Protein backbone atom coordinates (compact mmCIF):
# COMPACT_ATOMS: atom_id res chain seq x y z
CA MET A 1 -27.06 -43.66 -46.92
CA ASN A 2 -23.59 -44.74 -48.03
CA SER A 3 -23.39 -45.83 -51.62
CA LYS A 4 -20.38 -47.72 -52.81
CA PRO A 5 -18.33 -45.69 -55.32
CA ILE A 6 -18.62 -46.94 -58.87
CA GLU A 7 -15.52 -48.71 -60.14
CA TYR A 8 -14.87 -50.64 -63.32
CA LYS A 9 -12.17 -53.18 -64.04
CA TRP A 10 -11.73 -55.13 -67.27
CA GLU A 11 -9.14 -56.59 -69.61
CA ALA A 12 -8.79 -55.81 -73.29
CA THR A 13 -6.41 -56.30 -76.19
CA LEU A 14 -4.98 -53.39 -78.14
CA HIS A 15 -3.85 -54.05 -81.71
CA LEU A 16 -0.65 -52.11 -82.30
CA PHE A 17 -0.67 -51.62 -86.07
CA LYS A 18 -4.44 -51.78 -86.67
CA ASP A 19 -5.50 -49.09 -84.21
CA LYS A 20 -5.20 -45.59 -85.75
CA THR A 21 -4.59 -43.92 -82.38
CA ILE A 22 -1.71 -46.26 -81.52
CA ALA A 23 -0.30 -46.04 -85.05
CA LYS A 24 -0.36 -42.23 -84.76
CA GLN A 25 1.38 -42.36 -81.37
CA LEU A 26 4.03 -44.76 -82.73
CA SER A 27 4.62 -42.56 -85.75
CA ILE A 28 5.10 -39.52 -83.52
CA ALA A 29 7.28 -41.31 -80.96
CA ILE A 30 9.41 -43.21 -83.46
CA GLY A 31 8.83 -41.66 -86.85
CA LEU A 32 9.30 -38.01 -85.96
CA PRO A 33 12.76 -38.18 -84.33
CA PHE A 34 14.08 -40.75 -86.79
CA GLY A 35 12.50 -38.85 -89.68
CA ILE A 36 14.40 -35.74 -88.66
CA LEU A 37 17.60 -37.77 -88.30
CA ILE A 38 17.13 -39.43 -91.69
CA ALA A 39 16.39 -36.07 -93.35
CA PHE A 40 19.53 -34.61 -91.80
CA LEU A 41 21.67 -37.57 -92.90
CA LEU A 42 20.26 -37.40 -96.43
CA TYR A 43 20.99 -33.67 -96.54
CA VAL A 44 24.57 -34.27 -95.42
CA TYR A 45 24.93 -37.14 -97.91
CA ILE A 46 23.73 -34.96 -100.80
CA LYS A 47 26.24 -32.26 -99.84
CA ASN A 48 29.10 -34.70 -99.24
CA PRO A 49 28.54 -38.33 -100.31
CA SER A 50 30.14 -40.76 -97.86
CA SER A 51 29.88 -44.46 -97.19
CA SER A 52 29.67 -43.79 -93.44
CA ILE A 53 26.39 -41.91 -93.95
CA LEU A 54 25.02 -44.81 -96.00
CA TYR A 55 26.09 -47.12 -93.18
CA ALA A 56 24.20 -44.94 -90.66
CA LEU A 57 21.08 -44.97 -92.85
CA SER A 58 21.29 -48.75 -93.23
CA MET A 59 21.57 -49.14 -89.43
CA ILE A 60 18.45 -47.02 -88.97
CA ALA A 61 16.64 -49.15 -91.55
CA LEU A 62 17.81 -52.29 -89.72
CA LEU A 63 16.49 -50.84 -86.44
CA PHE A 64 13.06 -50.26 -88.02
CA VAL A 65 12.96 -53.80 -89.42
CA THR A 66 14.06 -55.29 -86.08
CA THR A 67 11.45 -53.27 -84.19
CA PHE A 68 8.74 -54.34 -86.63
CA LEU A 69 9.75 -58.00 -86.30
CA LEU A 70 9.85 -57.78 -82.51
CA LEU A 71 6.38 -56.25 -82.36
CA THR A 72 5.05 -58.73 -84.90
CA PHE A 73 6.51 -61.94 -83.47
CA ALA A 74 7.24 -61.41 -79.77
CA TYR A 75 4.14 -59.31 -79.16
CA GLN A 76 2.02 -60.73 -82.01
CA ASN A 77 0.98 -57.16 -82.88
CA LYS A 78 -1.08 -57.05 -79.66
CA MET A 79 -0.87 -55.65 -76.19
CA ALA A 80 -3.02 -57.13 -73.41
CA VAL A 81 -4.00 -54.53 -70.84
CA THR A 82 -6.09 -54.26 -67.69
CA TYR A 83 -8.13 -51.13 -67.05
CA GLU A 84 -9.24 -49.77 -63.71
CA LEU A 85 -11.60 -46.82 -63.63
CA ASN A 86 -12.95 -44.99 -60.60
CA SER A 87 -14.20 -41.50 -59.75
CA LYS A 88 -10.66 -40.10 -59.50
CA HIS A 89 -8.54 -41.69 -62.22
CA MET A 90 -8.10 -44.24 -64.97
CA ILE A 91 -5.34 -46.80 -64.84
CA MET A 92 -4.12 -48.88 -67.75
CA LYS A 93 -1.56 -51.52 -66.86
CA MET A 94 -0.17 -54.51 -68.64
CA ALA A 95 -2.10 -57.72 -68.11
CA GLU A 96 -0.19 -60.52 -66.37
CA LYS A 97 0.44 -62.40 -69.62
CA GLN A 98 1.74 -59.21 -71.23
CA ARG A 99 4.00 -58.45 -68.27
CA LYS A 100 5.63 -61.88 -68.71
CA VAL A 101 6.38 -61.15 -72.37
CA ASN A 102 7.69 -57.69 -71.46
CA ARG A 103 9.84 -59.17 -68.71
CA TRP A 104 11.33 -61.71 -71.15
CA VAL A 105 12.11 -58.99 -73.72
CA ASN A 106 13.53 -56.66 -71.04
CA ILE A 107 15.73 -59.35 -69.49
CA SER A 108 17.01 -60.31 -72.95
CA LEU A 109 17.80 -56.65 -73.55
CA ALA A 110 19.61 -56.40 -70.21
CA ILE A 111 21.71 -59.51 -70.90
CA LEU A 112 22.55 -58.21 -74.35
CA SER A 113 23.61 -54.86 -72.87
CA ILE A 114 25.90 -56.59 -70.33
CA PHE A 115 27.65 -58.59 -73.05
CA ASN A 116 27.99 -55.50 -75.23
CA LYS A 117 29.00 -53.32 -72.26
CA ASN A 118 26.31 -50.86 -73.35
CA VAL A 119 25.11 -48.63 -70.51
CA THR A 120 22.45 -46.98 -72.71
CA THR A 121 20.71 -50.28 -73.38
CA MET A 122 20.78 -51.10 -69.66
CA GLY A 123 19.13 -47.73 -69.00
CA ILE A 124 16.40 -48.56 -71.52
CA PHE A 125 15.87 -51.88 -69.71
CA MET A 126 15.51 -50.11 -66.37
CA LEU A 127 13.08 -47.54 -67.76
CA THR A 128 10.88 -50.01 -69.62
CA SER A 129 10.73 -52.55 -66.83
CA HIS A 130 9.18 -49.95 -64.54
CA ASN A 131 6.84 -48.32 -67.07
CA GLN A 132 4.15 -50.99 -67.06
CA LYS A 133 1.32 -48.71 -65.94
CA GLN A 134 -0.22 -45.43 -67.07
CA THR A 135 -2.57 -43.25 -65.05
CA MET A 136 -4.71 -40.28 -65.99
CA ARG A 137 -6.77 -38.29 -63.51
CA LEU A 138 -10.35 -37.67 -64.57
CA ASP A 139 -10.16 -34.00 -63.62
CA HIS A 140 -7.25 -33.56 -66.07
CA ILE A 141 -9.23 -34.71 -69.11
CA LYS A 142 -9.61 -31.95 -71.70
CA LYS A 143 -11.28 -33.92 -74.50
CA ALA A 144 -12.90 -37.30 -74.98
CA LYS A 145 -14.02 -39.01 -78.16
CA GLY A 146 -16.08 -42.17 -78.50
CA PHE A 147 -15.83 -44.74 -81.26
CA PRO A 148 -18.91 -46.93 -80.71
CA GLU A 149 -18.24 -49.11 -83.77
CA LYS A 150 -14.89 -50.12 -82.23
CA TYR A 151 -16.04 -49.97 -78.58
CA LYS A 152 -13.25 -47.51 -77.90
CA ILE A 153 -13.03 -44.20 -76.06
CA VAL A 154 -9.98 -41.96 -76.39
CA VAL A 155 -9.46 -39.31 -73.73
CA TYR A 156 -6.93 -36.50 -73.90
CA ASP A 157 -5.26 -34.32 -71.31
CA ASN A 158 -2.83 -31.52 -72.11
CA TYR A 159 0.01 -33.87 -73.10
CA ARG A 160 -1.20 -37.28 -74.20
CA SER A 161 -4.07 -39.51 -75.16
CA PHE A 162 -5.37 -42.50 -73.26
CA ILE A 163 -7.20 -45.34 -75.01
CA LEU A 164 -10.01 -47.12 -73.20
CA GLN A 165 -10.68 -50.26 -75.24
CA CYS A 166 -14.05 -51.49 -74.06
CA HIS A 167 -16.16 -54.55 -74.83
CA PRO A 168 -19.65 -54.57 -76.37
CA ASN A 169 -21.14 -55.26 -72.95
CA ASN A 170 -19.39 -52.42 -71.06
CA TYR A 171 -18.91 -49.67 -73.68
CA GLY A 172 -22.16 -47.88 -72.77
CA ASP A 173 -21.42 -47.98 -69.04
CA ILE A 174 -17.86 -46.70 -69.48
CA LYS A 175 -19.01 -43.98 -71.90
CA ASN A 176 -21.69 -42.83 -69.45
CA PHE A 177 -19.17 -42.90 -66.59
CA ILE A 178 -16.63 -40.78 -68.49
CA GLN A 179 -19.45 -38.47 -69.65
CA GLN A 180 -20.60 -38.05 -66.04
CA TYR A 181 -17.17 -36.93 -64.85
CA THR A 182 -16.02 -35.00 -67.89
CA ASN A 183 -19.11 -34.03 -69.93
CA LEU A 184 -16.88 -34.13 -73.02
CA ILE A 185 -17.51 -37.29 -75.04
CA GLN A 186 -18.27 -36.70 -78.68
CA LYS A 187 -20.37 -39.32 -80.58
């Protein structure tokens, strides 16, 4: 008796600044390196005041403001994703509408880098245009935590976390599926 393997596929919207998991990831990815840089620049400024250090700090502040505005207006503080879940792995990829926005931002970045003759920016364009999908194998999951009030499950492997934003009608099924393969969900 062949039974068809269970697979789930659904779309969801992640809120970038409202979701604590995403805010934590953003603060680690952006805040930690820039925090260290800002602390170093402030230390150097205290030891030897210079207008060039103030200029560097103002450029970092401008970068934060520009990033915030880009996420707020171009992405509307949201990210539309499609999830695929089967007995081997979970896949989160950008929904088609989100890929179009990402493509527009990436092409704008590439054009800007050509005009500015900035190879670094072109490298960022190439990296981000290909990083539209994340995968995590179920047998690599070390921890899973459910948030039933938000219909969200966060799974962790050794290096990162993976958010499964469910809907009211599929949260229980997805939770049971993850529980079946990992036996780790709390709550």
